[in-house]
Amino acid sequence: MIKKVLITFATVAVAAASAATYHVQLLEPSMVNGNELKAGEYKLEVNNDTAVFKSGRKTTEAKVKVESANEKFGATSFRYDRSSDGRLKLQEVRIGGSNTRIVFAN
């Protein structure tokens, strides 16, 4: 019985460790997975290889890879690529106060 409880607890702990929620503010309209996100505040939920931007009832989902940098980031920052039509495509989010880097799939 104790082994079963410990295995269940370990499974829940691993699942919780792989999920994270951040509050971010986009200063520019940004393309994520073919969808345009307006400038504004978003809740960014990351679970394994999926990120979900939430603002009110609207959600946008994208595949990501979570990486660890060698140093902590001083502030949350964004890395963009400009598409041929001039739109800003979100490439990466660096989470301030952590060494977490969220890299968006192409």
PDB file of N, CA and C in Angstrom:
ATOM      1  N   MET A   1       0.825  -1.198   0.000  1.00  0.00           N
ATOM      2  CA  MET A   1       0.000   0.000   0.000  1.00  0.00           C
ATOM      3  C   MET A   1       0.869   1.263   0.000  1.00  0.00           C
ATOM      4  N   ILE A   2       1.909   1.299   0.819  1.00  0.00           N
ATOM      5  CA  ILE A   2       2.781   2.477   0.900  1.00  0.00           C
ATOM      6  C   ILE A   2       3.502   2.683  -0.424  1.00  0.00           C
ATOM      7  N   LYS A   3       3.960   1.594  -1.045  1.00  0.00           N
ATOM      8  CA  LYS A   3       4.633   1.719  -2.338  1.00  0.00           C
ATOM      9  C   LYS A   3       3.707   2.345  -3.372  1.00  0.00           C
ATOM     10  N   LYS A   4       2.450   1.946  -3.364  1.00  0.00           N
ATOM     11  CA  LYS A   4       1.472   2.463  -4.316  1.00  0.00           C
ATOM     12  C   LYS A   4       1.271   3.964  -4.114  1.00  0.00           C
ATOM     13  N   VAL A   5       1.193   4.395  -2.857  1.00  0.00           N
ATOM     14  CA  VAL A   5       1.037   5.815  -2.553  1.00  0.00           C
ATOM     15  C   VAL A   5       2.270   6.589  -2.992  1.00  0.00           C
ATOM     16  N   LEU A   6       3.468   6.067  -2.733  1.00  0.00           N
ATOM     17  CA  LEU A   6       4.705   6.745  -3.129  1.00  0.00           C
ATOM     18  C   LEU A   6       4.820   6.854  -4.644  1.00  0.00           C
ATOM     19  N   ILE A   7       4.455   5.815  -5.362  1.00  0.00           N
ATOM     20  CA  ILE A   7       4.508   5.854  -6.831  1.00  0.00           C
ATOM     21  C   ILE A   7       3.519   6.881  -7.356  1.00  0.00           C
ATOM     22  N   THR A   8       2.321   6.924  -6.790  1.00  0.00           N
ATOM     23  CA  THR A   8       1.319   7.908  -7.200  1.00  0.00           C
ATOM     24  C   THR A   8       1.820   9.316  -6.922  1.00  0.00           C
ATOM     25  N   PHE A   9       2.387   9.548  -5.746  1.00  0.00           N
ATOM     26  CA  PHE A   9       2.918  10.864  -5.395  1.00  0.00           C
ATOM     27  C   PHE A   9       4.036  11.270  -6.347  1.00  0.00           C
ATOM     28  N   ALA A  10       4.937  10.349  -6.658  1.00  0.00           N
ATOM     29  CA  ALA A  10       6.038  10.651  -7.569  1.00  0.00           C
ATOM     30  C   ALA A  10       5.514  11.007  -8.958  1.00  0.00           C
ATOM     31  N   THR A  11       4.502  10.307  -9.421  1.00  0.00           N
ATOM     32  CA  THR A  11       3.914  10.590 -10.729  1.00  0.00           C
ATOM     33  C   THR A  11       3.291  11.975 -10.754  1.00  0.00           C
ATOM     34  N   VAL A  12       2.563  12.332  -9.697  1.00  0.00           N
ATOM     35  CA  VAL A  12       1.949  13.656  -9.617  1.00  0.00           C
ATOM     36  C   VAL A  12       3.023  14.733  -9.540  1.00  0.00           C
ATOM     37  N   ALA A  13       4.091  14.507  -8.789  1.00  0.00           N
ATOM     38  CA  ALA A  13       5.169  15.486  -8.659  1.00  0.00           C
ATOM     39  C   ALA A  13       5.856  15.731 -10.003  1.00  0.00           C
ATOM     40  N   VAL A  14       6.096  14.681 -10.765  1.00  0.00           N
ATOM     41  CA  VAL A  14       6.720  14.839 -12.089  1.00  0.00           C
ATOM     42  C   VAL A  14       5.791  15.600 -13.020  1.00  0.00           C
ATOM     43  N   ALA A  15       4.504  15.292 -13.008  1.00  0.00           N
ATOM     44  CA  ALA A  15       3.543  15.997 -13.865  1.00  0.00           C
ATOM     45  C   ALA A  15       3.477  17.467 -13.492  1.00  0.00           C
ATOM     46  N   ALA A  16       3.480  17.779 -12.208  1.00  0.00           N
ATOM     47  CA  ALA A  16       3.424  19.175 -11.777  1.00  0.00           C
ATOM     48  C   ALA A  16       4.691  19.918 -12.151  1.00  0.00           C
ATOM     49  N   ALA A  17       5.825  19.233 -12.074  1.00  0.00           N
ATOM     50  CA  ALA A  17       7.098  19.881 -12.396  1.00  0.00           C
ATOM     51  C   ALA A  17       7.198  20.212 -13.878  1.00  0.00           C
ATOM     52  N   SER A  18       6.497  19.472 -14.733  1.00  0.00           N
ATOM     53  CA  SER A  18       6.595  19.716 -16.166  1.00  0.00           C
ATOM     54  C   SER A  18       5.598  20.770 -16.647  1.00  0.00           C
ATOM     55  N   ALA A  19       4.734  21.253 -15.755  1.00  0.00           N
ATOM     56  CA  ALA A  19       3.768  22.291 -16.119  1.00  0.00           C
ATOM     57  C   ALA A  19       4.126  23.585 -15.396  1.00  0.00           C
ATOM     58  N   ALA A  20       4.005  24.707 -16.104  1.00  0.00           N
ATOM     59  CA  ALA A  20       4.318  26.000 -15.498  1.00  0.00           C
ATOM     60  C   ALA A  20       3.407  27.064 -16.096  1.00  0.00           C
ATOM     61  N   THR A  21       3.124  28.093 -15.302  1.00  0.00           N
ATOM     62  CA  THR A  21       2.302  29.207 -15.751  1.00  0.00           C
ATOM     63  C   THR A  21       3.063  30.502 -15.528  1.00  0.00           C
ATOM     64  N   TYR A  22       3.065  31.352 -16.543  1.00  0.00           N
ATOM     65  CA  TYR A  22       3.745  32.646 -16.481  1.00  0.00           C
ATOM     66  C   TYR A  22       2.767  33.727 -16.930  1.00  0.00           C
ATOM     67  N   HIS A  23       2.969  34.920 -16.439  1.00  0.00           N
ATOM     68  CA  HIS A  23       2.202  36.074 -16.902  1.00  0.00           C
ATOM     69  C   HIS A  23       3.157  36.930 -17.727  1.00  0.00           C
ATOM     70  N   VAL A  24       2.792  37.161 -18.990  1.00  0.00           N
ATOM     71  CA  VAL A  24       3.654  37.917 -19.896  1.00  0.00           C
ATOM     72  C   VAL A  24       2.858  39.044 -20.541  1.00  0.00           C
ATOM     73  N   GLN A  25       3.568  40.058 -20.981  1.00  0.00           N
ATOM     74  CA  GLN A  25       2.931  41.176 -21.686  1.00  0.00           C
ATOM     75  C   GLN A  25       3.619  41.358 -23.028  1.00  0.00           C
ATOM     76  N   LEU A  26       2.853  41.163 -24.086  1.00  0.00           N
ATOM     77  CA  LEU A  26       3.355  41.395 -25.440  1.00  0.00           C
ATOM     78  C   LEU A  26       3.203  42.876 -25.754  1.00  0.00           C
ATOM     79  N   LEU A  27       4.285  43.511 -26.147  1.00  0.00           N
ATOM     80  CA  LEU A  27       4.247  44.939 -26.460  1.00  0.00           C
ATOM     81  C   LEU A  27       3.888  45.203 -27.913  1.00  0.00           C
ATOM     82  N   GLU A  28       4.011  44.179 -28.747  1.00  0.00           N
ATOM     83  CA  GLU A  28       3.721  44.277 -30.180  1.00  0.00           C
ATOM     84  C   GLU A  28       2.775  43.146 -30.575  1.00  0.00           C
ATOM     85  N   PRO A  29       1.945  43.348 -31.599  1.00  0.00           N
ATOM     86  CA  PRO A  29       1.187  42.214 -32.137  1.00  0.00           C
ATOM     87  C   PRO A  29       2.181  41.132 -32.572  1.00  0.00           C
ATOM     88  N   SER A  30       1.892  39.887 -32.222  1.00  0.00           N
ATOM     89  CA  SER A  30       2.845  38.797 -32.447  1.00  0.00           C
ATOM     90  C   SER A  30       2.150  37.596 -33.066  1.00  0.00           C
ATOM     91  N   MET A  31       2.812  36.965 -34.016  1.00  0.00           N
ATOM     92  CA  MET A  31       2.293  35.753 -34.643  1.00  0.00           C
ATOM     93  C   MET A  31       2.792  34.539 -33.860  1.00  0.00           C
ATOM     94  N   VAL A  32       1.845  33.663 -33.492  1.00  0.00           N
ATOM     95  CA  VAL A  32       2.164  32.421 -32.801  1.00  0.00           C
ATOM     96  C   VAL A  32       1.360  31.314 -33.467  1.00  0.00           C
ATOM     97  N   ASN A  33       2.057  30.366 -34.048  1.00  0.00           N
ATOM     98  CA  ASN A  33       1.420  29.222 -34.707  1.00  0.00           C
ATOM     99  C   ASN A  33       0.369  29.667 -35.733  1.00  0.00           C
ATOM    100  N   GLY A  34       0.686  30.710 -36.502  1.00  0.00           N
ATOM    101  CA  GLY A  34      -0.212  31.191 -37.546  1.00  0.00           C
ATOM    102  C   GLY A  34      -1.327  32.099 -37.063  1.00  0.00           C
ATOM    103  N   ASN A  35      -1.393  32.363 -35.768  1.00  0.00           N
ATOM    104  CA  ASN A  35      -2.424  33.227 -35.198  1.00  0.00           C
ATOM    105  C   ASN A  35      -1.792  34.515 -34.688  1.00  0.00           C
ATOM    106  N   GLU A  36      -2.475  35.637 -34.922  1.00  0.00           N
ATOM    107  CA  GLU A  36      -1.954  36.901 -34.431  1.00  0.00           C
ATOM    108  C   GLU A  36      -2.482  37.169 -33.026  1.00  0.00           C
ATOM    109  N   LEU A  37      -1.562  37.414 -32.105  1.00  0.00           N
ATOM    110  CA  LEU A  37      -1.916  37.824 -30.752  1.00  0.00           C
ATOM    111  C   LEU A  37      -1.750  39.327 -30.675  1.00  0.00           C
ATOM    112  N   LYS A  38      -2.774  40.015 -30.200  1.00  0.00           N
ATOM    113  CA  LYS A  38      -2.694  41.465 -30.050  1.00  0.00           C
ATOM    114  C   LYS A  38      -1.757  41.801 -28.901  1.00  0.00           C
ATOM    115  N   ALA A  39      -1.211  43.007 -28.918  1.00  0.00           N
ATOM    116  CA  ALA A  39      -0.410  43.461 -27.787  1.00  0.00           C
ATOM    117  C   ALA A  39      -1.279  43.428 -26.540  1.00  0.00           C
ATOM    118  N   GLY A  40      -0.708  43.007 -25.425  1.00  0.00           N
ATOM    119  CA  GLY A  40      -1.463  42.954 -24.180  1.00  0.00           C
ATOM    120  C   GLY A  40      -0.935  41.888 -23.248  1.00  0.00           C
ATOM    121  N   GLU A  41      -1.654  41.702 -22.146  1.00  0.00           N
ATOM    122  CA  GLU A  41      -1.253  40.737 -21.127  1.00  0.00           C
ATOM    123  C   GLU A  41      -1.850  39.369 -21.408  1.00  0.00           C
ATOM    124  N   TYR A  42      -1.039  38.341 -21.185  1.00  0.00           N
ATOM    125  CA  TYR A  42      -1.441  36.961 -21.417  1.00  0.00           C
ATOM    126  C   TYR A  42      -0.968  36.075 -20.279  1.00  0.00           C
ATOM    127  N   LYS A  43      -1.738  35.025 -20.050  1.00  0.00           N
ATOM    128  CA  LYS A  43      -1.263  33.949 -19.196  1.00  0.00           C
ATOM    129  C   LYS A  43      -0.661  32.928 -20.149  1.00  0.00           C
ATOM    130  N   LEU A  44       0.582  32.551 -19.906  1.00  0.00           N
ATOM    131  CA  LEU A  44       1.277  31.582 -20.749  1.00  0.00           C
ATOM    132  C   LEU A  44       1.441  30.300 -19.943  1.00  0.00           C
ATOM    133  N   GLU A  45       0.730  29.259 -20.348  1.00  0.00           N
ATOM    134  CA  GLU A  45       0.817  27.965 -19.683  1.00  0.00           C
ATOM    135  C   GLU A  45       1.649  27.030 -20.541  1.00  0.00           C
ATOM    136  N   VAL A  46       2.671  26.441 -19.923  1.00  0.00           N
ATOM    137  CA  VAL A  46       3.558  25.528 -20.634  1.00  0.00           C
ATOM    138  C   VAL A  46       3.467  24.163 -19.960  1.00  0.00           C
ATOM    139  N   ASN A  47       3.149  23.155 -20.767  1.00  0.00           N
ATOM    140  CA  ASN A  47       3.054  21.787 -20.271  1.00  0.00           C
ATOM    141  C   ASN A  47       3.772  20.880 -21.259  1.00  0.00           C
ATOM    142  N   ASN A  48       4.909  20.364 -20.843  1.00  0.00           N
ATOM    143  CA  ASN A  48       5.762  19.521 -21.687  1.00  0.00           C
ATOM    144  C   ASN A  48       6.143  20.279 -22.956  1.00  0.00           C
ATOM    145  N   ASP A  49       5.608  19.874 -24.111  1.00  0.00           N
ATOM    146  CA  ASP A  49       5.998  20.503 -25.380  1.00  0.00           C
ATOM    147  C   ASP A  49       4.901  21.391 -25.964  1.00  0.00           C
ATOM    148  N   THR A  50       3.974  21.856 -25.130  1.00  0.00           N
ATOM    149  CA  THR A  50       2.881  22.696 -25.602  1.00  0.00           C
ATOM    150  C   THR A  50       2.775  23.956 -24.752  1.00  0.00           C
ATOM    151  N   ALA A  51       2.646  25.095 -25.425  1.00  0.00           N
ATOM    152  CA  ALA A  51       2.419  26.374 -24.751  1.00  0.00           C
ATOM    153  C   ALA A  51       1.047  26.882 -25.166  1.00  0.00           C
ATOM    154  N   VAL A  52       0.328  27.471 -24.204  1.00  0.00           N
ATOM    155  CA  VAL A  52      -0.990  28.029 -24.478  1.00  0.00           C
ATOM    156  C   VAL A  52      -1.015  29.466 -23.963  1.00  0.00           C
ATOM    157  N   PHE A  53      -1.270  30.411 -24.882  1.00  0.00           N
ATOM    158  CA  PHE A  53      -1.469  31.810 -24.514  1.00  0.00           C
ATOM    159  C   PHE A  53      -2.955  31.994 -24.249  1.00  0.00           C
ATOM    160  N   LYS A  54      -3.289  32.571 -23.088  1.00  0.00           N
ATOM    161  CA  LYS A  54      -4.684  32.809 -22.742  1.00  0.00           C
ATOM    162  C   LYS A  54      -4.897  34.280 -22.424  1.00  0.00           C
ATOM    163  N   SER A  55      -5.957  34.824 -23.018  1.00  0.00           N
ATOM    164  CA  SER A  55      -6.386  36.185 -22.729  1.00  0.00           C
ATOM    165  C   SER A  55      -7.907  36.176 -22.778  1.00  0.00           C
ATOM    166  N   GLY A  56      -8.534  36.275 -21.619  1.00  0.00           N
ATOM    167  CA  GLY A  56      -9.991  36.140 -21.577  1.00  0.00           C
ATOM    168  C   GLY A  56     -10.379  34.739 -22.023  1.00  0.00           C
ATOM    169  N   ARG A  57     -11.286  34.666 -22.975  1.00  0.00           N
ATOM    170  CA  ARG A  57     -11.725  33.359 -23.487  1.00  0.00           C
ATOM    171  C   ARG A  57     -10.879  32.864 -24.655  1.00  0.00           C
ATOM    172  N   LYS A  58     -10.052  33.745 -25.208  1.00  0.00           N
ATOM    173  CA  LYS A  58      -9.263  33.381 -26.382  1.00  0.00           C
ATOM    174  C   LYS A  58      -7.987  32.648 -25.972  1.00  0.00           C
ATOM    175  N   THR A  59      -7.714  31.528 -26.652  1.00  0.00           N
ATOM    176  CA  THR A  59      -6.489  30.773 -26.412  1.00  0.00           C
ATOM    177  C   THR A  59      -5.789  30.493 -27.734  1.00  0.00           C
ATOM    178  N   THR A  60      -4.475  30.473 -27.676  1.00  0.00           N
ATOM    179  CA  THR A  60      -3.662  30.108 -28.830  1.00  0.00           C
ATOM    180  C   THR A  60      -2.618  29.109 -28.354  1.00  0.00           C
ATOM    181  N   GLU A  61      -2.540  27.982 -29.043  1.00  0.00           N
ATOM    182  CA  GLU A  61      -1.661  26.889 -28.658  1.00  0.00           C
ATOM    183  C   GLU A  61      -0.529  26.735 -29.661  1.00  0.00           C
ATOM    184  N   ALA A  62       0.659  26.358 -29.174  1.00  0.00           N
ATOM    185  CA  ALA A  62       1.800  26.150 -30.059  1.00  0.00           C
ATOM    186  C   ALA A  62       2.739  25.112 -29.462  1.00  0.00           C
ATOM    187  N   LYS A  63       3.450  24.422 -30.327  1.00  0.00           N
ATOM    188  CA  LYS A  63       4.471  23.466 -29.895  1.00  0.00           C
ATOM    189  C   LYS A  63       5.725  24.244 -29.501  1.00  0.00           C
ATOM    190  N   VAL A  64       6.341  23.826 -28.400  1.00  0.00           N
ATOM    191  CA  VAL A  64       7.533  24.503 -27.895  1.00  0.00           C
ATOM    192  C   VAL A  64       8.543  23.486 -27.375  1.00  0.00           C
ATOM    193  N   LYS A  65       9.733  23.995 -27.141  1.00  0.00           N
ATOM    194  CA  LYS A  65      10.765  23.234 -26.457  1.00  0.00           C
ATOM    195  C   LYS A  65      11.222  24.108 -25.301  1.00  0.00           C
ATOM    196  N   VAL A  66      11.216  23.566 -24.086  1.00  0.00           N
ATOM    197  CA  VAL A  66      11.653  24.311 -22.911  1.00  0.00           C
ATOM    198  C   VAL A  66      13.122  23.994 -22.680  1.00  0.00           C
ATOM    199  N   GLU A  67      13.934  25.044 -22.595  1.00  0.00           N
ATOM    200  CA  GLU A  67      15.372  24.890 -22.405  1.00  0.00           C
ATOM    201  C   GLU A  67      15.822  25.659 -21.174  1.00  0.00           C
ATOM    202  N   SER A  68      16.976  25.276 -20.646  1.00  0.00           N
ATOM    203  CA  SER A  68      17.580  25.989 -19.520  1.00  0.00           C
ATOM    204  C   SER A  68      18.838  26.690 -20.006  1.00  0.00           C
ATOM    205  N   ALA A  69      18.932  27.982 -19.702  1.00  0.00           N
ATOM    206  CA  ALA A  69      20.120  28.762 -20.052  1.00  0.00           C
ATOM    207  C   ALA A  69      21.149  28.626 -18.929  1.00  0.00           C
ATOM    208  N   ASN A  70      22.359  29.070 -19.191  1.00  0.00           N
ATOM    209  CA  ASN A  70      23.418  29.003 -18.188  1.00  0.00           C
ATOM    210  C   ASN A  70      23.232  30.017 -17.072  1.00  0.00           C
ATOM    211  N   GLU A  71      22.546  31.122 -17.364  1.00  0.00           N
ATOM    212  CA  GLU A  71      22.351  32.195 -16.393  1.00  0.00           C
ATOM    213  C   GLU A  71      20.874  32.555 -16.295  1.00  0.00           C
ATOM    214  N   LYS A  72      20.508  33.189 -15.155  1.00  0.00           N
ATOM    215  CA  LYS A  72      19.141  33.679 -15.002  1.00  0.00           C
ATOM    216  C   LYS A  72      18.944  34.927 -15.851  1.00  0.00           C
ATOM    217  N   PHE A  73      17.731  35.090 -16.374  1.00  0.00           N
ATOM    218  CA  PHE A  73      17.376  36.274 -17.142  1.00  0.00           C
ATOM    219  C   PHE A  73      16.887  37.356 -16.189  1.00  0.00           C
ATOM    220  N   GLY A  74      17.354  38.582 -16.367  1.00  0.00           N
ATOM    221  CA  GLY A  74      16.980  39.686 -15.497  1.00  0.00           C
ATOM    222  C   GLY A  74      15.528  40.099 -15.646  1.00  0.00           C
ATOM    223  N   ALA A  75      14.988  39.979 -16.844  1.00  0.00           N
ATOM    224  CA  ALA A  75      13.600  40.373 -17.124  1.00  0.00           C
ATOM    225  C   ALA A  75      13.064  39.463 -18.215  1.00  0.00           C
ATOM    226  N   THR A  76      11.757  39.342 -18.288  1.00  0.00           N
ATOM    227  CA  THR A  76      11.148  38.562 -19.361  1.00  0.00           C
ATOM    228  C   THR A  76      11.356  39.297 -20.672  1.00  0.00           C
ATOM    229  N   SER A  77      11.831  38.568 -21.672  1.00  0.00           N
ATOM    230  CA  SER A  77      12.075  39.181 -22.980  1.00  0.00           C
ATOM    231  C   SER A  77      11.628  38.227 -24.080  1.00  0.00           C
ATOM    232  N   PHE A  78      11.473  38.789 -25.264  1.00  0.00           N
ATOM    233  CA  PHE A  78      10.961  38.044 -26.415  1.00  0.00           C
ATOM    234  C   PHE A  78      11.924  38.164 -27.577  1.00  0.00           C
ATOM    235  N   ARG A  79      12.054  37.095 -28.345  1.00  0.00           N
ATOM    236  CA  ARG A  79      12.868  37.104 -29.556  1.00  0.00           C
ATOM    237  C   ARG A  79      11.931  36.849 -30.729  1.00  0.00           C
ATOM    238  N   TYR A  80      12.047  37.696 -31.740  1.00  0.00           N
ATOM    239  CA  TYR A  80      11.156  37.634 -32.896  1.00  0.00           C
ATOM    240  C   TYR A  80      11.922  37.419 -34.191  1.00  0.00           C
ATOM    241  N   ASP A  81      11.191  36.980 -35.195  1.00  0.00           N
ATOM    242  CA  ASP A  81      11.657  36.944 -36.574  1.00  0.00           C
ATOM    243  C   ASP A  81      10.597  37.678 -37.378  1.00  0.00           C
ATOM    244  N   ARG A  82      11.016  38.556 -38.270  1.00  0.00           N
ATOM    245  CA  ARG A  82      10.053  39.299 -39.083  1.00  0.00           C
ATOM    246  C   ARG A  82       9.784  38.510 -40.363  1.00  0.00           C
ATOM    247  N   SER A  83       8.513  38.234 -40.623  1.00  0.00           N
ATOM    248  CA  SER A  83       8.133  37.484 -41.823  1.00  0.00           C
ATOM    249  C   SER A  83       8.189  38.388 -43.049  1.00  0.00           C
ATOM    250  N   SER A  84       8.035  37.812 -44.216  1.00  0.00           N
ATOM    251  CA  SER A  84       8.113  38.576 -45.467  1.00  0.00           C
ATOM    252  C   SER A  84       7.009  39.626 -45.572  1.00  0.00           C
ATOM    253  N   ASP A  85       5.889  39.401 -44.876  1.00  0.00           N
ATOM    254  CA  ASP A  85       4.809  40.396 -44.907  1.00  0.00           C
ATOM    255  C   ASP A  85       4.929  41.421 -43.771  1.00  0.00           C
ATOM    256  N   GLY A  86       6.050  41.397 -43.049  1.00  0.00           N
ATOM    257  CA  GLY A  86       6.326  42.396 -42.028  1.00  0.00           C
ATOM    258  C   GLY A  86       5.804  42.069 -40.638  1.00  0.00           C
ATOM    259  N   ARG A  87       5.134  40.950 -40.473  1.00  0.00           N
ATOM    260  CA  ARG A  87       4.613  40.571 -39.149  1.00  0.00           C
ATOM    261  C   ARG A  87       5.732  40.007 -38.276  1.00  0.00           C
ATOM    262  N   LEU A  88       5.583  40.192 -36.965  1.00  0.00           N
ATOM    263  CA  LEU A  88       6.557  39.663 -36.013  1.00  0.00           C
ATOM    264  C   LEU A  88       6.138  38.265 -35.574  1.00  0.00           C
ATOM    265  N   LYS A  89       6.986  37.289 -35.859  1.00  0.00           N
ATOM    266  CA  LYS A  89       6.718  35.902 -35.496  1.00  0.00           C
ATOM    267  C   LYS A  89       7.512  35.587 -34.226  1.00  0.00           C
ATOM    268  N   LEU A  90       6.820  35.203 -33.163  1.00  0.00           N
ATOM    269  CA  LEU A  90       7.472  34.917 -31.891  1.00  0.00           C
ATOM    270  C   LEU A  90       8.327  33.664 -32.012  1.00  0.00           C
ATOM    271  N   GLN A  91       9.606  33.795 -31.672  1.00  0.00           N
ATOM    272  CA  GLN A  91      10.545  32.680 -31.743  1.00  0.00           C
ATOM    273  C   GLN A  91      10.871  32.109 -30.359  1.00  0.00           C
ATOM    274  N   GLU A  92      10.930  33.021 -29.359  1.00  0.00           N
ATOM    275  CA  GLU A  92      11.409  32.591 -28.048  1.00  0.00           C
ATOM    276  C   GLU A  92      10.934  33.546 -26.960  1.00  0.00           C
ATOM    277  N   VAL A  93      10.661  32.991 -25.780  1.00  0.00           N
ATOM    278  CA  VAL A  93      10.354  33.790 -24.594  1.00  0.00           C
ATOM    279  C   VAL A  93      11.370  33.401 -23.534  1.00  0.00           C
ATOM    280  N   ARG A  94      12.034  34.415 -22.966  1.00  0.00           N
ATOM    281  CA  ARG A  94      12.977  34.196 -21.873  1.00  0.00           C
ATOM    282  C   ARG A  94      12.305  34.710 -20.606  1.00  0.00           C
ATOM    283  N   ILE A  95      12.116  33.823 -19.642  1.00  0.00           N
ATOM    284  CA  ILE A  95      11.355  34.152 -18.435  1.00  0.00           C
ATOM    285  C   ILE A  95      12.255  34.833 -17.404  1.00  0.00           C
ATOM    286  N   GLY A  96      11.914  36.084 -17.077  1.00  0.00           N
ATOM    287  CA  GLY A  96      12.692  36.863 -16.122  1.00  0.00           C
ATOM    288  C   GLY A  96      12.734  36.213 -14.745  1.00  0.00           C
ATOM    289  N   GLY A  97      13.905  36.294 -14.088  1.00  0.00           N
ATOM    290  CA  GLY A  97      14.088  35.725 -12.767  1.00  0.00           C
ATOM    291  C   GLY A  97      14.337  34.233 -12.775  1.00  0.00           C
ATOM    292  N   SER A  98      14.458  33.656 -13.960  1.00  0.00           N
ATOM    293  CA  SER A  98      14.722  32.225 -14.090  1.00  0.00           C
ATOM    294  C   SER A  98      15.726  32.005 -15.217  1.00  0.00           C
ATOM    295  N   ASN A  99      16.109  30.769 -15.418  1.00  0.00           N
ATOM    296  CA  ASN A  99      16.969  30.434 -16.563  1.00  0.00           C
ATOM    297  C   ASN A  99      16.161  29.694 -17.628  1.00  0.00           C
ATOM    298  N   THR A 100      14.830  29.844 -17.593  1.00  0.00           N
ATOM    299  CA  THR A 100      13.934  29.141 -18.510  1.00  0.00           C
ATOM    300  C   THR A 100      13.772  29.909 -19.818  1.00  0.00           C
ATOM    301  N   ARG A 101      13.967  29.183 -20.902  1.00  0.00           N
ATOM    302  CA  ARG A 101      13.805  29.724 -22.247  1.00  0.00           C
ATOM    303  C   ARG A 101      12.787  28.834 -22.961  1.00  0.00           C
ATOM    304  N   ILE A 102      11.725  29.449 -23.499  1.00  0.00           N
ATOM    305  CA  ILE A 102      10.676  28.716 -24.216  1.00  0.00           C
ATOM    306  C   ILE A 102      10.861  29.007 -25.694  1.00  0.00           C
ATOM    307  N   VAL A 103      11.226  27.987 -26.459  1.00  0.00           N
ATOM    308  CA  VAL A 103      11.522  28.133 -27.887  1.00  0.00           C
ATOM    309  C   VAL A 103      10.366  27.550 -28.686  1.00  0.00           C
ATOM    310  N   PHE A 104       9.816  28.366 -29.589  1.00  0.00           N
ATOM    311  CA  PHE A 104       8.656  27.960 -30.389  1.00  0.00           C
ATOM    312  C   PHE A 104       9.106  27.215 -31.632  1.00  0.00           C
ATOM    313  N   ALA A 105       8.376  26.137 -31.952  1.00  0.00           N
ATOM    314  CA  ALA A 105       8.662  25.352 -33.153  1.00  0.00           C
ATOM    315  C   ALA A 105       8.299  26.168 -34.379  1.00  0.00           C
ATOM    316  N   ASN A 106       8.931  25.885 -35.503  1.00  0.00           N
ATOM    317  CA  ASN A 106       8.671  26.623 -36.751  1.00  0.00           C
ATOM    318  C   ASN A 106       7.306  26.352 -37.270  1.00  0.00           C
TER     319      ASN A 106
END
